[in-house]
Amino acid sequence: MPRIELEYFAQLGEQAGRRTETRETSVATAAALYDELRAAYGFVLPPEQMRVAVNAAFRPWTQGLRDGDHVVFIPPVSGG
Protein backbone atom coordinates (compact mmCIF):
# COMPACT_ATOMS: atom_id res chain seq x y z
CA MET A 1 0.00 0.00 0.00
CA PRO A 2 1.26 3.48 -0.79
CA ARG A 3 2.39 5.66 2.11
CA ILE A 4 1.21 9.25 1.82
CA GLU A 5 2.64 12.17 3.80
CA LEU A 6 -0.19 14.42 4.95
CA GLU A 7 -0.20 17.93 6.33
CA TYR A 8 -3.26 19.54 7.90
CA PHE A 9 -3.92 23.28 8.19
CA ALA A 10 -6.36 25.27 10.35
CA GLN A 11 -9.51 23.43 11.40
CA LEU A 12 -8.45 20.22 9.66
CA GLY A 13 -5.48 19.95 12.02
CA GLU A 14 -7.72 20.61 14.98
CA GLN A 15 -10.24 17.98 13.90
CA ALA A 16 -7.52 15.41 13.16
CA GLY A 17 -5.72 16.18 16.41
CA ARG A 18 -2.41 16.52 14.56
CA ARG A 19 -0.71 18.70 11.96
CA THR A 20 1.07 15.93 10.04
CA GLU A 21 0.91 12.19 9.60
CA THR A 22 2.02 9.39 7.34
CA ARG A 23 -0.86 7.21 6.22
CA GLU A 24 -0.98 3.95 4.33
CA THR A 25 -3.95 3.89 1.99
CA SER A 26 -5.34 1.92 -0.90
CA VAL A 27 -7.26 4.85 -2.41
CA ALA A 28 -6.25 6.07 -5.84
CA THR A 29 -7.09 9.79 -5.88
CA ALA A 30 -6.87 12.89 -3.71
CA ALA A 31 -10.69 13.00 -3.54
CA ALA A 32 -10.89 9.41 -2.31
CA LEU A 33 -8.18 10.12 0.26
CA TYR A 34 -10.13 13.10 1.59
CA ASP A 35 -13.26 10.93 1.82
CA GLU A 36 -11.25 8.39 3.83
CA LEU A 37 -10.00 11.11 6.16
CA ARG A 38 -13.49 12.59 6.55
CA ALA A 39 -14.70 9.22 7.77
CA ALA A 40 -11.72 8.83 10.12
CA TYR A 41 -11.62 12.34 11.61
CA GLY A 42 -15.06 13.81 10.99
CA PHE A 43 -13.88 16.62 8.71
CA VAL A 44 -16.89 18.81 8.03
CA LEU A 45 -15.64 20.90 5.09
CA PRO A 46 -16.73 19.65 1.68
CA PRO A 47 -13.97 19.35 -0.92
CA GLU A 48 -15.65 22.02 -3.06
CA GLN A 49 -14.63 24.60 -0.44
CA MET A 50 -10.96 23.61 -0.44
CA ARG A 51 -7.91 23.14 -2.61
CA VAL A 52 -5.58 20.16 -2.69
CA ALA A 53 -1.84 20.28 -3.27
CA VAL A 54 0.22 17.23 -4.16
CA ASN A 55 3.99 17.56 -3.96
CA ALA A 56 3.79 21.36 -3.52
CA ALA A 57 1.57 22.04 -6.54
CA PHE A 58 -2.16 22.63 -6.70
CA ARG A 59 -3.84 19.69 -8.40
CA PRO A 60 -7.37 18.62 -9.34
CA TRP A 61 -9.23 16.39 -6.89
CA THR A 62 -8.93 13.60 -9.47
CA GLN A 63 -5.13 13.62 -9.08
CA GLY A 64 -3.76 10.10 -8.75
CA LEU A 65 -1.59 9.31 -5.72
CA ARG A 66 1.70 7.42 -5.52
CA ASP A 67 3.87 6.13 -2.73
CA GLY A 68 5.73 8.98 -1.04
CA ASP A 69 3.44 11.78 -2.25
CA HIS A 70 3.03 14.78 0.06
CA VAL A 71 -0.62 15.89 0.21
CA VAL A 72 -2.02 19.05 1.76
CA PHE A 73 -5.72 19.84 1.95
CA ILE A 74 -6.09 23.62 2.13
CA PRO A 75 -9.24 24.98 3.74
CA PRO A 76 -10.52 28.50 3.13
CA VAL A 77 -8.66 31.07 5.18
CA SER A 78 -10.29 33.89 7.06
CA GLY A 79 -8.51 36.56 8.95
CA GLY A 80 -8.63 40.00 10.20
C-alpha atoms as a PDB file:
ATOM      1  CA  MET A   1       0.000   0.000   0.000  1.00  0.00           C
ATOM      2  CA  PRO A   2       1.264   3.483  -0.790  1.00  0.00           C
ATOM      3  CA  ARG A   3       2.394   5.656   2.110  1.00  0.00           C
ATOM      4  CA  ILE A   4       1.212   9.248   1.815  1.00  0.00           C
ATOM      5  CA  GLU A   5       2.642  12.168   3.797  1.00  0.00           C
ATOM      6  CA  LEU A   6      -0.187  14.423   4.955  1.00  0.00           C
ATOM      7  CA  GLU A   7      -0.201  17.934   6.327  1.00  0.00           C
ATOM      8  CA  TYR A   8      -3.259  19.545   7.900  1.00  0.00           C
ATOM      9  CA  PHE A   9      -3.925  23.280   8.193  1.00  0.00           C
ATOM     10  CA  ALA A  10      -6.358  25.267  10.348  1.00  0.00           C
ATOM     11  CA  GLN A  11      -9.505  23.433  11.402  1.00  0.00           C
ATOM     12  CA  LEU A  12      -8.449  20.221   9.662  1.00  0.00           C
ATOM     13  CA  GLY A  13      -5.475  19.951  12.017  1.00  0.00           C
ATOM     14  CA  GLU A  14      -7.719  20.606  14.976  1.00  0.00           C
ATOM     15  CA  GLN A  15     -10.238  17.980  13.901  1.00  0.00           C
ATOM     16  CA  ALA A  16      -7.518  15.406  13.157  1.00  0.00           C
ATOM     17  CA  GLY A  17      -5.717  16.183  16.409  1.00  0.00           C
ATOM     18  CA  ARG A  18      -2.409  16.524  14.562  1.00  0.00           C
ATOM     19  CA  ARG A  19      -0.706  18.701  11.959  1.00  0.00           C
ATOM     20  CA  THR A  20       1.069  15.930  10.044  1.00  0.00           C
ATOM     21  CA  GLU A  21       0.913  12.192   9.601  1.00  0.00           C
ATOM     22  CA  THR A  22       2.024   9.389   7.338  1.00  0.00           C
ATOM     23  CA  ARG A  23      -0.859   7.213   6.217  1.00  0.00           C
ATOM     24  CA  GLU A  24      -0.978   3.947   4.325  1.00  0.00           C
ATOM     25  CA  THR A  25      -3.950   3.891   1.992  1.00  0.00           C
ATOM     26  CA  SER A  26      -5.336   1.916  -0.901  1.00  0.00           C
ATOM     27  CA  VAL A  27      -7.259   4.850  -2.409  1.00  0.00           C
ATOM     28  CA  ALA A  28      -6.252   6.072  -5.845  1.00  0.00           C
ATOM     29  CA  THR A  29      -7.086   9.795  -5.877  1.00  0.00           C
ATOM     30  CA  ALA A  30      -6.868  12.886  -3.708  1.00  0.00           C
ATOM     31  CA  ALA A  31     -10.691  12.999  -3.541  1.00  0.00           C
ATOM     32  CA  ALA A  32     -10.893   9.410  -2.307  1.00  0.00           C
ATOM     33  CA  LEU A  33      -8.179  10.122   0.258  1.00  0.00           C
ATOM     34  CA  TYR A  34     -10.131  13.101   1.589  1.00  0.00           C
ATOM     35  CA  ASP A  35     -13.258  10.935   1.824  1.00  0.00           C
ATOM     36  CA  GLU A  36     -11.253   8.385   3.828  1.00  0.00           C
ATOM     37  CA  LEU A  37     -10.001  11.113   6.163  1.00  0.00           C
ATOM     38  CA  ARG A  38     -13.487  12.592   6.554  1.00  0.00           C
ATOM     39  CA  ALA A  39     -14.703   9.218   7.772  1.00  0.00           C
ATOM     40  CA  ALA A  40     -11.720   8.826  10.124  1.00  0.00           C
ATOM     41  CA  TYR A  41     -11.617  12.336  11.611  1.00  0.00           C
ATOM     42  CA  GLY A  42     -15.059  13.814  10.991  1.00  0.00           C
ATOM     43  CA  PHE A  43     -13.877  16.615   8.713  1.00  0.00           C
ATOM     44  CA  VAL A  44     -16.888  18.815   8.026  1.00  0.00           C
ATOM     45  CA  LEU A  45     -15.636  20.901   5.085  1.00  0.00           C
ATOM     46  CA  PRO A  46     -16.730  19.647   1.677  1.00  0.00           C
ATOM     47  CA  PRO A  47     -13.966  19.348  -0.923  1.00  0.00           C
ATOM     48  CA  GLU A  48     -15.652  22.016  -3.063  1.00  0.00           C
ATOM     49  CA  GLN A  49     -14.634  24.600  -0.444  1.00  0.00           C
ATOM     50  CA  MET A  50     -10.956  23.611  -0.436  1.00  0.00           C
ATOM     51  CA  ARG A  51      -7.909  23.144  -2.613  1.00  0.00           C
ATOM     52  CA  VAL A  52      -5.583  20.164  -2.685  1.00  0.00           C
ATOM     53  CA  ALA A  53      -1.839  20.277  -3.266  1.00  0.00           C
ATOM     54  CA  VAL A  54       0.219  17.231  -4.157  1.00  0.00           C
ATOM     55  CA  ASN A  55       3.990  17.561  -3.956  1.00  0.00           C
ATOM     56  CA  ALA A  56       3.788  21.357  -3.518  1.00  0.00           C
ATOM     57  CA  ALA A  57       1.569  22.040  -6.545  1.00  0.00           C
ATOM     58  CA  PHE A  58      -2.164  22.634  -6.703  1.00  0.00           C
ATOM     59  CA  ARG A  59      -3.835  19.690  -8.399  1.00  0.00           C
ATOM     60  CA  PRO A  60      -7.369  18.623  -9.338  1.00  0.00           C
ATOM     61  CA  TRP A  61      -9.226  16.389  -6.889  1.00  0.00           C
ATOM     62  CA  THR A  62      -8.932  13.601  -9.466  1.00  0.00           C
ATOM     63  CA  GLN A  63      -5.133  13.620  -9.080  1.00  0.00           C
ATOM     64  CA  GLY A  64      -3.758  10.100  -8.749  1.00  0.00           C
ATOM     65  CA  LEU A  65      -1.594   9.306  -5.723  1.00  0.00           C
ATOM     66  CA  ARG A  66       1.704   7.417  -5.521  1.00  0.00           C
ATOM     67  CA  ASP A  67       3.869   6.130  -2.731  1.00  0.00           C
ATOM     68  CA  GLY A  68       5.728   8.981  -1.045  1.00  0.00           C
ATOM     69  CA  ASP A  69       3.444  11.776  -2.246  1.00  0.00           C
ATOM     70  CA  HIS A  70       3.028  14.783   0.057  1.00  0.00           C
ATOM     71  CA  VAL A  71      -0.617  15.893   0.206  1.00  0.00           C
ATOM     72  CA  VAL A  72      -2.016  19.050   1.763  1.00  0.00           C
ATOM     73  CA  PHE A  73      -5.718  19.843   1.952  1.00  0.00           C
ATOM     74  CA  ILE A  74      -6.085  23.620   2.128  1.00  0.00           C
ATOM     75  CA  PRO A  75      -9.245  24.984   3.744  1.00  0.00           C
ATOM     76  CA  PRO A  76     -10.521  28.503   3.135  1.00  0.00           C
ATOM     77  CA  VAL A  77      -8.662  31.075   5.176  1.00  0.00           C
ATOM     78  CA  SER A  78     -10.292  33.892   7.055  1.00  0.00           C
ATOM     79  CA  GLY A  79      -8.509  36.558   8.946  1.00  0.00           C
ATOM     80  CA  GLY A  80      -8.634  40.004  10.205  1.00  0.00           C
END
